[in-house]
N, C-alpha and C. Protein backbone atom coordinates (compact mmCIF):
# COMPACT_ATOMS: atom_id res chain seq x y z
N UNK A 1 -32.61 -23.64 25.63
CA UNK A 1 -33.46 -23.67 26.80
C UNK A 1 -32.60 -23.67 28.04
N UNK A 2 -32.84 -22.73 28.94
CA UNK A 2 -32.12 -22.67 30.21
C UNK A 2 -32.87 -23.49 31.25
N UNK A 3 -32.14 -24.36 31.91
CA UNK A 3 -32.74 -25.14 32.98
C UNK A 3 -32.77 -24.30 34.25
N UNK A 4 -33.66 -24.58 35.19
CA UNK A 4 -33.70 -23.80 36.42
C UNK A 4 -32.42 -23.95 37.21
N UNK A 5 -32.03 -22.89 37.87
CA UNK A 5 -30.83 -22.89 38.70
C UNK A 5 -31.11 -23.61 40.02
N UNK A 6 -30.23 -24.54 40.35
CA UNK A 6 -30.31 -25.23 41.64
C UNK A 6 -29.03 -24.89 42.39
N UNK A 7 -29.11 -24.20 43.54
CA UNK A 7 -27.90 -23.80 44.25
C UNK A 7 -26.98 -25.00 44.49
N UNK A 8 -25.68 -24.78 44.18
CA UNK A 8 -24.69 -25.81 44.40
C UNK A 8 -24.60 -26.87 43.32
N UNK A 9 -25.48 -26.79 42.32
CA UNK A 9 -25.46 -27.80 41.24
C UNK A 9 -25.64 -27.11 39.90
N UNK A 10 -24.75 -27.39 39.01
CA UNK A 10 -24.91 -26.91 37.64
C UNK A 10 -25.55 -28.01 36.83
N UNK A 11 -26.63 -27.74 36.09
CA UNK A 11 -27.30 -28.79 35.34
C UNK A 11 -26.45 -29.37 34.21
N UNK A 12 -25.52 -28.60 33.68
CA UNK A 12 -24.65 -29.09 32.61
C UNK A 12 -23.43 -28.19 32.54
N UNK A 13 -22.35 -28.70 31.95
CA UNK A 13 -21.12 -27.92 31.89
C UNK A 13 -21.31 -26.57 31.23
N UNK A 14 -22.17 -26.47 30.22
CA UNK A 14 -22.31 -25.20 29.51
C UNK A 14 -23.02 -24.13 30.35
N UNK A 15 -23.63 -24.52 31.45
CA UNK A 15 -24.29 -23.55 32.32
C UNK A 15 -23.43 -23.18 33.52
N UNK A 16 -22.17 -23.62 33.52
CA UNK A 16 -21.27 -23.37 34.64
C UNK A 16 -21.17 -21.87 34.95
N UNK A 17 -21.03 -21.03 33.93
CA UNK A 17 -20.89 -19.60 34.17
C UNK A 17 -22.15 -19.03 34.81
N UNK A 18 -23.31 -19.51 34.42
CA UNK A 18 -24.56 -19.06 35.06
C UNK A 18 -24.54 -19.42 36.53
N UNK A 19 -24.12 -20.65 36.82
CA UNK A 19 -24.07 -21.08 38.22
C UNK A 19 -23.07 -20.26 39.01
N UNK A 20 -21.90 -19.98 38.43
CA UNK A 20 -20.89 -19.21 39.14
C UNK A 20 -21.37 -17.79 39.42
N UNK A 21 -22.20 -17.26 38.53
CA UNK A 21 -22.71 -15.92 38.76
C UNK A 21 -23.55 -15.87 40.03
N UNK A 22 -24.23 -16.95 40.36
CA UNK A 22 -25.03 -16.99 41.57
C UNK A 22 -24.21 -17.45 42.77
N UNK A 23 -23.20 -18.25 42.53
CA UNK A 23 -22.36 -18.80 43.58
C UNK A 23 -21.02 -18.10 43.48
N UNK A 24 -20.85 -16.95 44.16
CA UNK A 24 -19.70 -16.08 43.96
C UNK A 24 -18.36 -16.80 44.07
N UNK A 25 -18.15 -17.61 45.08
CA UNK A 25 -16.86 -18.30 45.22
C UNK A 25 -16.85 -19.54 44.32
N UNK A 26 -15.85 -19.67 43.47
CA UNK A 26 -15.81 -20.80 42.55
C UNK A 26 -15.43 -22.10 43.26
N UNK A 27 -16.39 -22.70 43.95
CA UNK A 27 -16.12 -23.87 44.78
C UNK A 27 -15.69 -25.09 43.98
N UNK A 28 -16.05 -25.15 42.71
CA UNK A 28 -15.70 -26.31 41.92
C UNK A 28 -14.26 -26.26 41.43
N UNK A 29 -13.62 -25.13 41.60
CA UNK A 29 -12.25 -24.98 41.14
C UNK A 29 -11.33 -25.78 42.06
N UNK A 30 -10.43 -26.53 41.46
CA UNK A 30 -9.49 -27.35 42.23
C UNK A 30 -8.31 -26.49 42.69
N UNK A 31 -7.97 -26.58 43.97
CA UNK A 31 -6.76 -25.96 44.49
C UNK A 31 -5.83 -27.10 44.87
N UNK A 32 -4.63 -27.05 44.32
CA UNK A 32 -3.69 -28.15 44.50
C UNK A 32 -2.27 -27.61 44.51
N UNK A 33 -1.30 -28.44 44.96
CA UNK A 33 0.10 -28.01 44.88
C UNK A 33 0.52 -27.77 43.43
N UNK A 34 1.40 -26.81 43.24
CA UNK A 34 1.91 -26.51 41.91
C UNK A 34 2.74 -27.67 41.38
N UNK A 35 2.61 -27.94 40.11
CA UNK A 35 3.43 -28.91 39.40
C UNK A 35 4.40 -28.14 38.51
N UNK A 36 5.59 -28.67 38.23
CA UNK A 36 6.51 -27.96 37.34
C UNK A 36 5.88 -27.57 36.00
N UNK A 37 4.97 -28.38 35.51
CA UNK A 37 4.30 -28.07 34.24
C UNK A 37 3.42 -26.82 34.33
N UNK A 38 3.08 -26.38 35.55
CA UNK A 38 2.26 -25.18 35.75
C UNK A 38 3.06 -23.89 35.63
N UNK A 39 4.38 -23.98 35.69
CA UNK A 39 5.20 -22.77 35.74
C UNK A 39 4.99 -21.82 34.57
N UNK A 40 4.91 -22.27 33.33
CA UNK A 40 4.69 -21.30 32.24
C UNK A 40 3.38 -20.53 32.39
N UNK A 41 2.30 -21.21 32.76
CA UNK A 41 1.01 -20.53 32.92
C UNK A 41 1.05 -19.57 34.11
N UNK A 42 1.70 -19.96 35.19
CA UNK A 42 1.81 -19.07 36.34
C UNK A 42 2.63 -17.84 36.00
N UNK A 43 3.72 -18.03 35.26
CA UNK A 43 4.55 -16.90 34.86
C UNK A 43 3.78 -15.94 33.96
N UNK A 44 2.97 -16.47 33.04
CA UNK A 44 2.15 -15.60 32.18
C UNK A 44 1.13 -14.82 33.00
N UNK A 45 0.49 -15.50 33.95
CA UNK A 45 -0.50 -14.84 34.81
C UNK A 45 0.16 -13.76 35.65
N UNK A 46 1.31 -14.06 36.23
CA UNK A 46 2.02 -13.07 37.05
C UNK A 46 2.40 -11.86 36.21
N UNK A 47 2.95 -12.09 35.04
CA UNK A 47 3.37 -10.97 34.19
C UNK A 47 2.19 -10.08 33.80
N UNK A 48 1.10 -10.69 33.34
CA UNK A 48 -0.08 -9.90 32.95
C UNK A 48 -0.63 -9.11 34.13
N UNK A 49 -0.71 -9.75 35.28
CA UNK A 49 -1.24 -9.07 36.48
C UNK A 49 -0.30 -7.96 36.93
N UNK A 50 1.00 -8.24 36.93
CA UNK A 50 1.98 -7.24 37.37
C UNK A 50 1.96 -6.02 36.48
N UNK A 51 1.88 -6.23 35.19
CA UNK A 51 1.86 -5.09 34.26
C UNK A 51 0.61 -4.24 34.49
N UNK A 52 -0.52 -4.87 34.70
CA UNK A 52 -1.76 -4.11 34.87
C UNK A 52 -1.89 -3.49 36.26
N UNK A 53 -1.46 -4.19 37.30
CA UNK A 53 -1.79 -3.76 38.66
C UNK A 53 -0.61 -3.34 39.54
N UNK A 54 0.63 -3.62 39.14
CA UNK A 54 1.76 -3.36 40.04
C UNK A 54 2.80 -2.42 39.46
N UNK A 55 3.46 -2.84 38.38
CA UNK A 55 4.66 -2.14 37.93
C UNK A 55 4.39 -0.85 37.18
N UNK A 56 3.15 -0.55 36.86
CA UNK A 56 2.85 0.71 36.18
C UNK A 56 3.21 1.91 37.06
N UNK A 57 3.32 1.71 38.37
CA UNK A 57 3.69 2.78 39.30
C UNK A 57 5.20 2.93 39.43
N UNK A 58 5.94 1.99 38.89
CA UNK A 58 7.39 1.94 39.07
C UNK A 58 8.12 2.61 37.91
N UNK A 59 9.34 3.09 38.19
CA UNK A 59 10.16 3.55 37.06
C UNK A 59 10.51 2.35 36.18
N UNK A 60 10.85 2.56 34.93
CA UNK A 60 11.10 1.44 34.01
C UNK A 60 12.11 0.42 34.53
N UNK A 61 13.18 0.87 35.16
CA UNK A 61 14.17 -0.09 35.64
C UNK A 61 13.62 -0.95 36.78
N UNK A 62 12.75 -0.39 37.63
CA UNK A 62 12.12 -1.16 38.70
C UNK A 62 11.15 -2.19 38.13
N UNK A 63 10.38 -1.77 37.13
CA UNK A 63 9.44 -2.68 36.49
C UNK A 63 10.18 -3.83 35.83
N UNK A 64 11.25 -3.52 35.11
CA UNK A 64 12.02 -4.57 34.42
C UNK A 64 12.64 -5.54 35.43
N UNK A 65 13.16 -5.02 36.53
CA UNK A 65 13.76 -5.89 37.54
C UNK A 65 12.72 -6.84 38.11
N UNK A 66 11.56 -6.30 38.47
CA UNK A 66 10.50 -7.15 39.05
C UNK A 66 10.07 -8.23 38.06
N UNK A 67 9.83 -7.85 36.82
CA UNK A 67 9.37 -8.81 35.82
C UNK A 67 10.43 -9.86 35.54
N UNK A 68 11.70 -9.46 35.53
CA UNK A 68 12.78 -10.41 35.29
C UNK A 68 12.92 -11.39 36.47
N UNK A 69 12.81 -10.89 37.69
CA UNK A 69 12.95 -11.74 38.87
C UNK A 69 11.76 -12.68 39.05
N UNK A 70 10.66 -12.40 38.39
CA UNK A 70 9.43 -13.18 38.56
C UNK A 70 8.95 -13.81 37.25
N UNK A 71 9.88 -14.07 36.34
CA UNK A 71 9.52 -14.78 35.12
C UNK A 71 9.52 -16.28 35.40
N UNK A 72 9.39 -17.10 34.38
CA UNK A 72 9.33 -18.55 34.59
C UNK A 72 10.57 -19.08 35.31
N UNK A 73 11.75 -18.61 34.92
CA UNK A 73 12.97 -19.05 35.60
C UNK A 73 12.99 -18.58 37.05
N UNK A 74 12.51 -17.37 37.27
CA UNK A 74 12.43 -16.85 38.64
C UNK A 74 11.52 -17.70 39.51
N UNK A 75 10.35 -18.05 38.98
CA UNK A 75 9.43 -18.91 39.73
C UNK A 75 10.07 -20.27 40.01
N UNK A 76 10.76 -20.80 39.02
CA UNK A 76 11.45 -22.09 39.19
C UNK A 76 12.49 -21.98 40.32
N UNK A 77 13.21 -20.86 40.35
CA UNK A 77 14.21 -20.65 41.41
C UNK A 77 13.55 -20.53 42.79
N UNK A 78 12.42 -19.82 42.87
CA UNK A 78 11.72 -19.71 44.15
C UNK A 78 11.24 -21.08 44.63
N UNK A 79 10.75 -21.87 43.71
CA UNK A 79 10.30 -23.22 44.03
C UNK A 79 11.49 -24.05 44.55
N UNK A 80 12.62 -23.96 43.86
CA UNK A 80 13.82 -24.70 44.28
C UNK A 80 14.33 -24.22 45.64
N UNK A 81 14.10 -22.95 45.95
CA UNK A 81 14.55 -22.39 47.23
C UNK A 81 13.62 -22.75 48.38
N UNK A 82 12.51 -23.44 48.09
CA UNK A 82 11.64 -23.91 49.15
C UNK A 82 10.31 -23.18 49.28
N UNK A 83 10.05 -22.20 48.44
CA UNK A 83 8.73 -21.55 48.46
C UNK A 83 7.69 -22.61 48.12
N UNK A 84 6.58 -22.60 48.83
CA UNK A 84 5.53 -23.59 48.62
C UNK A 84 4.39 -22.94 47.85
N UNK A 85 4.10 -23.49 46.68
CA UNK A 85 3.10 -22.94 45.78
C UNK A 85 1.86 -23.83 45.72
N UNK A 86 0.71 -23.17 45.62
CA UNK A 86 -0.55 -23.84 45.31
C UNK A 86 -1.17 -23.10 44.13
N UNK A 87 -1.88 -23.83 43.30
CA UNK A 87 -2.56 -23.23 42.15
C UNK A 87 -4.05 -23.53 42.22
N UNK A 88 -4.82 -22.64 41.64
CA UNK A 88 -6.26 -22.86 41.43
C UNK A 88 -6.42 -23.16 39.96
N UNK A 89 -7.06 -24.29 39.68
CA UNK A 89 -7.19 -24.75 38.30
C UNK A 89 -8.62 -25.14 38.02
N UNK A 90 -9.07 -24.76 36.84
CA UNK A 90 -10.38 -25.21 36.38
C UNK A 90 -10.25 -25.63 34.93
N UNK A 91 -10.63 -26.87 34.67
CA UNK A 91 -10.60 -27.43 33.32
C UNK A 91 -9.25 -27.20 32.65
N UNK A 92 -8.17 -27.44 33.40
CA UNK A 92 -6.82 -27.34 32.86
C UNK A 92 -6.26 -25.94 32.77
N UNK A 93 -7.00 -24.94 33.19
CA UNK A 93 -6.54 -23.55 33.12
C UNK A 93 -6.20 -23.04 34.52
N UNK A 94 -5.03 -22.42 34.66
CA UNK A 94 -4.62 -21.83 35.94
C UNK A 94 -5.35 -20.50 36.11
N UNK A 95 -6.14 -20.40 37.17
CA UNK A 95 -6.90 -19.18 37.44
C UNK A 95 -6.22 -18.31 38.50
N UNK A 96 -5.30 -18.90 39.25
CA UNK A 96 -4.59 -18.16 40.28
C UNK A 96 -3.56 -19.03 40.95
N UNK A 97 -2.67 -18.38 41.70
CA UNK A 97 -1.68 -19.14 42.46
C UNK A 97 -1.20 -18.33 43.65
N UNK A 98 -0.63 -19.04 44.62
CA UNK A 98 -0.13 -18.44 45.84
C UNK A 98 1.18 -19.12 46.22
N UNK A 99 2.08 -18.39 46.84
CA UNK A 99 3.34 -18.95 47.32
C UNK A 99 3.59 -18.46 48.74
N UNK A 100 4.07 -19.36 49.57
CA UNK A 100 4.45 -19.03 50.95
C UNK A 100 5.94 -19.33 51.10
N UNK A 101 6.66 -18.39 51.70
CA UNK A 101 8.09 -18.56 51.98
C UNK A 101 8.27 -18.78 53.48
N UNK A 102 8.99 -19.84 53.82
CA UNK A 102 9.39 -20.13 55.20
C UNK A 102 8.20 -20.21 56.17
N UNK A 103 7.05 -20.60 55.69
CA UNK A 103 5.83 -20.75 56.51
C UNK A 103 5.39 -19.47 57.19
N UNK A 104 5.96 -18.31 56.79
CA UNK A 104 5.64 -17.06 57.49
C UNK A 104 5.41 -15.86 56.57
N UNK A 105 5.71 -15.99 55.29
CA UNK A 105 5.60 -14.83 54.40
C UNK A 105 4.81 -15.21 53.16
N UNK A 106 3.72 -14.49 52.93
CA UNK A 106 2.94 -14.67 51.70
C UNK A 106 3.72 -13.96 50.60
N UNK A 107 4.33 -14.74 49.74
CA UNK A 107 5.28 -14.21 48.76
C UNK A 107 4.61 -13.83 47.45
N UNK A 108 3.73 -14.65 46.94
CA UNK A 108 2.97 -14.37 45.72
C UNK A 108 1.50 -14.71 45.95
N UNK A 109 0.62 -13.88 45.43
CA UNK A 109 -0.81 -14.20 45.35
C UNK A 109 -1.34 -13.47 44.13
N UNK A 110 -1.58 -14.23 43.08
CA UNK A 110 -2.07 -13.66 41.83
C UNK A 110 -3.30 -14.44 41.38
N UNK A 111 -4.34 -13.70 41.00
CA UNK A 111 -5.58 -14.28 40.50
C UNK A 111 -5.89 -13.61 39.17
N UNK A 112 -6.19 -14.42 38.17
CA UNK A 112 -6.58 -13.88 36.87
C UNK A 112 -7.75 -12.91 37.08
N UNK A 113 -7.70 -11.77 36.42
CA UNK A 113 -8.71 -10.74 36.69
C UNK A 113 -10.13 -11.19 36.37
N UNK A 114 -10.30 -12.23 35.54
CA UNK A 114 -11.63 -12.76 35.29
C UNK A 114 -12.24 -13.36 36.56
N UNK A 115 -11.40 -13.69 37.53
CA UNK A 115 -11.87 -14.32 38.77
C UNK A 115 -11.83 -13.37 39.96
N UNK A 116 -11.45 -12.10 39.75
CA UNK A 116 -11.44 -11.14 40.85
C UNK A 116 -12.83 -11.01 41.45
N UNK A 117 -12.88 -10.84 42.76
CA UNK A 117 -14.15 -10.59 43.45
C UNK A 117 -15.04 -11.81 43.63
N UNK A 118 -14.50 -13.01 43.39
CA UNK A 118 -15.32 -14.21 43.50
C UNK A 118 -14.87 -15.15 44.62
N UNK A 119 -13.94 -14.69 45.45
CA UNK A 119 -13.52 -15.49 46.59
C UNK A 119 -12.35 -16.42 46.32
N UNK A 120 -11.77 -16.37 45.13
CA UNK A 120 -10.69 -17.28 44.82
C UNK A 120 -9.42 -16.96 45.61
N UNK A 121 -9.08 -15.69 45.75
CA UNK A 121 -7.89 -15.33 46.54
C UNK A 121 -8.05 -15.81 47.99
N UNK A 122 -9.24 -15.68 48.53
CA UNK A 122 -9.49 -16.16 49.91
C UNK A 122 -9.30 -17.68 50.00
N UNK A 123 -9.80 -18.41 49.01
CA UNK A 123 -9.64 -19.87 49.04
C UNK A 123 -8.17 -20.27 48.91
N UNK A 124 -7.43 -19.59 48.04
CA UNK A 124 -6.00 -19.86 47.92
C UNK A 124 -5.29 -19.56 49.24
N UNK A 125 -5.62 -18.42 49.84
CA UNK A 125 -5.01 -18.02 51.11
C UNK A 125 -5.32 -19.04 52.21
N UNK A 126 -6.56 -19.45 52.32
CA UNK A 126 -6.93 -20.42 53.36
C UNK A 126 -6.17 -21.74 53.17
N UNK A 127 -6.04 -22.18 51.94
CA UNK A 127 -5.32 -23.42 51.66
C UNK A 127 -3.84 -23.29 52.00
N UNK A 128 -3.21 -22.22 51.54
CA UNK A 128 -1.78 -22.02 51.77
C UNK A 128 -1.48 -21.79 53.25
N UNK A 129 -2.34 -21.04 53.93
CA UNK A 129 -2.15 -20.77 55.36
C UNK A 129 -2.24 -22.07 56.15
N UNK A 130 -3.25 -22.89 55.88
CA UNK A 130 -3.40 -24.16 56.59
C UNK A 130 -2.20 -25.07 56.33
N UNK A 131 -1.72 -25.11 55.09
CA UNK A 131 -0.56 -25.94 54.77
C UNK A 131 0.68 -25.46 55.50
N UNK A 132 0.87 -24.15 55.61
CA UNK A 132 2.03 -23.60 56.32
C UNK A 132 1.98 -23.94 57.81
N UNK A 133 0.81 -23.87 58.39
CA UNK A 133 0.66 -24.22 59.81
C UNK A 133 0.94 -25.71 60.00
N UNK A 134 0.46 -26.53 59.09
CA UNK A 134 0.73 -27.97 59.15
C UNK A 134 2.23 -28.25 59.07
N UNK A 135 2.95 -27.43 58.30
CA UNK A 135 4.40 -27.61 58.17
C UNK A 135 5.17 -27.03 59.36
N UNK A 136 4.47 -26.46 60.33
CA UNK A 136 5.14 -25.96 61.53
C UNK A 136 5.08 -24.47 61.75
N UNK A 137 4.45 -23.74 60.86
CA UNK A 137 4.31 -22.30 61.05
C UNK A 137 3.38 -21.98 62.20
N UNK A 138 3.55 -20.80 62.80
CA UNK A 138 2.73 -20.42 63.94
C UNK A 138 1.44 -19.71 63.55
N UNK A 139 1.22 -19.51 62.26
CA UNK A 139 -0.01 -18.86 61.79
C UNK A 139 0.12 -17.38 61.56
N UNK A 140 1.24 -16.79 61.95
CA UNK A 140 1.50 -15.38 61.67
C UNK A 140 2.18 -15.24 60.32
N UNK A 141 1.79 -14.21 59.55
CA UNK A 141 2.35 -14.02 58.21
C UNK A 141 2.61 -12.55 57.95
N UNK A 142 3.55 -12.31 57.06
CA UNK A 142 3.79 -10.98 56.52
C UNK A 142 3.52 -11.02 55.02
N UNK A 143 3.32 -9.85 54.45
CA UNK A 143 3.19 -9.73 53.00
C UNK A 143 3.62 -8.32 52.63
N UNK A 144 4.20 -8.17 51.46
CA UNK A 144 4.53 -6.86 50.91
C UNK A 144 3.53 -6.60 49.80
N UNK A 145 2.47 -5.91 50.12
CA UNK A 145 1.34 -5.73 49.21
C UNK A 145 1.55 -4.55 48.27
N UNK A 146 1.19 -4.75 47.02
CA UNK A 146 1.16 -3.62 46.09
C UNK A 146 0.06 -2.66 46.53
N UNK A 147 0.11 -1.44 46.05
CA UNK A 147 -0.93 -0.48 46.39
C UNK A 147 -2.30 -1.01 45.98
N UNK A 148 -2.38 -1.64 44.81
CA UNK A 148 -3.64 -2.17 44.32
C UNK A 148 -4.20 -3.26 45.24
N UNK A 149 -3.31 -4.09 45.80
CA UNK A 149 -3.74 -5.26 46.56
C UNK A 149 -4.05 -4.98 48.03
N UNK A 150 -3.73 -3.81 48.55
CA UNK A 150 -3.95 -3.53 49.97
C UNK A 150 -5.38 -3.84 50.42
N UNK A 151 -6.42 -3.37 49.73
CA UNK A 151 -7.78 -3.70 50.18
C UNK A 151 -8.07 -5.20 50.21
N UNK A 152 -7.54 -5.93 49.24
CA UNK A 152 -7.76 -7.39 49.22
C UNK A 152 -7.09 -8.04 50.42
N UNK A 153 -5.88 -7.64 50.74
CA UNK A 153 -5.19 -8.21 51.91
C UNK A 153 -5.87 -7.80 53.22
N UNK A 154 -6.37 -6.57 53.27
CA UNK A 154 -7.12 -6.17 54.47
C UNK A 154 -8.36 -7.05 54.63
N UNK A 155 -9.01 -7.39 53.53
CA UNK A 155 -10.19 -8.26 53.60
C UNK A 155 -9.82 -9.66 54.08
N UNK A 156 -8.56 -10.07 53.89
CA UNK A 156 -8.09 -11.37 54.36
C UNK A 156 -7.61 -11.32 55.81
N UNK A 157 -7.60 -10.13 56.41
CA UNK A 157 -7.21 -10.00 57.81
C UNK A 157 -5.83 -9.41 58.05
N UNK A 158 -5.15 -8.98 56.99
CA UNK A 158 -3.84 -8.34 57.14
C UNK A 158 -4.02 -6.88 57.54
N UNK A 159 -3.05 -6.33 58.27
CA UNK A 159 -3.04 -4.90 58.63
C UNK A 159 -1.68 -4.32 58.24
N UNK A 160 -1.71 -3.05 57.89
CA UNK A 160 -0.45 -2.36 57.57
C UNK A 160 0.38 -2.23 58.83
N UNK A 161 1.70 -2.41 58.67
CA UNK A 161 2.59 -2.27 59.82
C UNK A 161 3.65 -1.20 59.59
N UNK A 162 3.67 -0.60 58.40
CA UNK A 162 4.63 0.46 58.08
C UNK A 162 4.10 1.21 56.87
N UNK A 163 4.62 2.41 56.65
CA UNK A 163 4.20 3.16 55.47
C UNK A 163 4.69 2.50 54.18
N UNK A 164 4.14 2.95 53.07
CA UNK A 164 4.55 2.45 51.76
C UNK A 164 6.05 2.64 51.59
N UNK A 165 6.69 1.62 51.03
CA UNK A 165 8.13 1.65 50.80
C UNK A 165 8.41 1.45 49.31
N UNK A 166 9.63 1.80 48.92
CA UNK A 166 10.08 1.56 47.56
C UNK A 166 11.47 0.93 47.62
N UNK A 167 11.60 -0.27 47.09
CA UNK A 167 12.88 -0.98 47.05
C UNK A 167 13.09 -1.46 45.61
N UNK A 168 14.26 -1.19 45.07
CA UNK A 168 14.59 -1.55 43.68
C UNK A 168 13.54 -1.02 42.71
N UNK A 169 12.97 0.15 43.01
CA UNK A 169 12.00 0.77 42.12
C UNK A 169 10.60 0.20 42.20
N UNK A 170 10.32 -0.63 43.20
CA UNK A 170 9.00 -1.24 43.34
C UNK A 170 8.35 -0.77 44.65
N UNK A 171 7.13 -0.27 44.55
CA UNK A 171 6.39 0.21 45.72
C UNK A 171 5.61 -0.93 46.36
N UNK A 172 5.64 -0.98 47.70
CA UNK A 172 4.90 -2.01 48.42
C UNK A 172 4.55 -1.51 49.82
N UNK A 173 3.60 -2.20 50.41
CA UNK A 173 3.09 -1.86 51.74
C UNK A 173 3.30 -3.06 52.67
N UNK A 174 4.20 -2.93 53.67
CA UNK A 174 4.40 -4.03 54.61
C UNK A 174 3.13 -4.27 55.43
N UNK A 175 2.68 -5.52 55.47
CA UNK A 175 1.46 -5.88 56.19
C UNK A 175 1.73 -7.14 56.99
N UNK A 176 0.88 -7.36 58.01
CA UNK A 176 1.02 -8.54 58.87
C UNK A 176 -0.34 -9.14 59.13
N UNK A 177 -0.34 -10.45 59.24
CA UNK A 177 -1.53 -11.22 59.62
C UNK A 177 -1.19 -11.95 60.91
N UNK A 178 -2.03 -11.77 61.92
CA UNK A 178 -1.84 -12.49 63.18
C UNK A 178 -3.04 -13.42 63.39
N UNK A 179 -2.77 -14.66 63.76
CA UNK A 179 -3.88 -15.59 63.98
C UNK A 179 -4.72 -15.15 65.17
N UNK A 180 -5.97 -15.56 65.18
CA UNK A 180 -6.88 -15.21 66.28
C UNK A 180 -6.47 -15.91 67.56
């Protein structure tokens, strides 16, 4: 028996997916700072997303370089270098993550494809942007967007600032976000 839908309230855990279908942005999902224990799940999510949406356009050596630089050890190195990560988690599962470098550069933004189009990238971006400003950033950001991600970044307020580039066999689009 399905209980009636009440906006903003799920009648029981098993009806969560029904509620999310009506409530596009997954508001119940926790966004929090990354913990070292999250690194394996984040690395798996990055690899799966990169293979499907990014490196398929690259020559094999470019794809291998990107995947090697962004594996679990790579993420650990970025964290040690001062990149600030936030994760979106629901019931112990990482649904997405974001990293900001030097309070001015959106370095990583990956969302599990099951959550695409539901507002999770926007929530991660808003959280990470606010945290960067709190740490002293001026609110302006750059990002090197994959071809696939350009529309998503444009929806977040980024604009292209240069033509598509290729560095180390990886194609990207330089973009900038300026605060209002």
